[in-house]
Amino acid sequence: MDDLRLRAWLKSDPRARAFLFWARMPVATRDGDAIVLHDQRYMQPLARDNFTVRVTAPDTASYP
């Protein structure tokens, strides 16, 4: 959760902001150029993929 990209990217991703509001124990992992948010309560293999949000860099080409 110390990645400085995360703070900037959250501003453009309402799903990520909602996930962090809901998550009690958020965890961020890197996945290539993306950051994947998990809730530590649901890190078991059967539930892990159901409680994640993938955050990527905002599309700067669409901004004026």
Protein backbone atom coordinates (compact mmCIF):
# COMPACT_ATOMS: atom_id res chain seq x y z
CA MET A 1 0.00 0.00 0.00
CA ASP A 2 3.09 2.21 -0.08
CA ASP A 3 3.17 2.46 -3.89
CA LEU A 4 2.76 6.14 -4.77
CA ARG A 5 0.96 5.22 -8.00
CA LEU A 6 -1.94 3.86 -5.99
CA ARG A 7 -2.96 7.23 -4.57
CA ALA A 8 -3.02 8.86 -8.00
CA TRP A 9 -4.79 5.95 -9.69
CA LEU A 10 -7.53 5.76 -7.03
CA LYS A 11 -8.72 9.21 -8.02
CA SER A 12 -9.73 7.88 -11.43
CA ASP A 13 -11.16 4.50 -10.40
CA PRO A 14 -14.44 4.56 -8.43
CA ARG A 15 -14.40 0.75 -8.07
CA ALA A 16 -11.07 0.92 -6.24
CA ARG A 17 -12.27 3.69 -3.93
CA ALA A 18 -15.41 1.69 -3.13
CA PHE A 19 -13.35 -1.44 -2.49
CA LEU A 20 -11.04 0.39 -0.06
CA PHE A 21 -14.07 1.83 1.73
CA TRP A 22 -15.46 -1.70 2.14
CA ALA A 23 -12.23 -3.62 2.88
CA ARG A 24 -11.26 -3.99 6.52
CA MET A 25 -7.74 -5.26 5.88
CA PRO A 26 -6.69 -4.07 2.38
CA VAL A 27 -3.61 -5.51 0.72
CA ALA A 28 -2.07 -4.28 -2.53
CA THR A 29 0.08 -6.48 -4.76
CA ARG A 30 1.79 -5.66 -8.04
CA ASP A 31 0.77 -7.49 -11.17
CA GLY A 32 2.89 -6.22 -14.03
CA ASP A 33 1.90 -2.58 -14.61
CA ALA A 34 -1.23 -2.93 -12.48
CA ILE A 35 -1.94 -3.01 -8.77
CA VAL A 36 -4.38 -5.61 -7.45
CA LEU A 37 -6.29 -4.82 -4.27
CA HIS A 38 -7.34 -7.67 -1.98
CA ASP A 39 -8.99 -7.90 1.41
CA GLN A 40 -6.82 -10.00 3.69
CA ARG A 41 -9.93 -11.62 5.21
CA TYR A 42 -10.58 -13.32 1.87
CA MET A 43 -7.10 -14.41 0.80
CA GLN A 44 -7.98 -18.13 0.81
CA PRO A 45 -7.68 -19.66 -2.68
CA LEU A 46 -11.42 -20.31 -3.07
CA ALA A 47 -12.47 -16.75 -2.24
CA ARG A 48 -9.49 -14.69 -3.31
CA ASP A 49 -10.57 -13.91 -6.89
CA ASN A 50 -14.06 -12.85 -5.79
CA PHE A 51 -12.81 -10.00 -3.62
CA THR A 52 -10.24 -8.19 -5.74
CA VAL A 53 -10.03 -5.01 -7.78
CA ARG A 54 -7.38 -4.47 -10.44
CA VAL A 55 -6.19 -0.86 -10.70
CA THR A 56 -4.32 0.34 -13.77
CA ALA A 57 -2.92 3.67 -14.80
CA PRO A 58 -5.59 6.18 -15.80
CA ASP A 59 -6.06 6.71 -19.52
CA THR A 60 -4.27 10.03 -19.85
CA ALA A 61 -5.12 10.21 -23.57
CA SER A 62 -8.76 10.90 -22.71
CA TYR A 63 -7.89 13.91 -20.54
CA PRO A 64 -7.67 17.34 -22.19
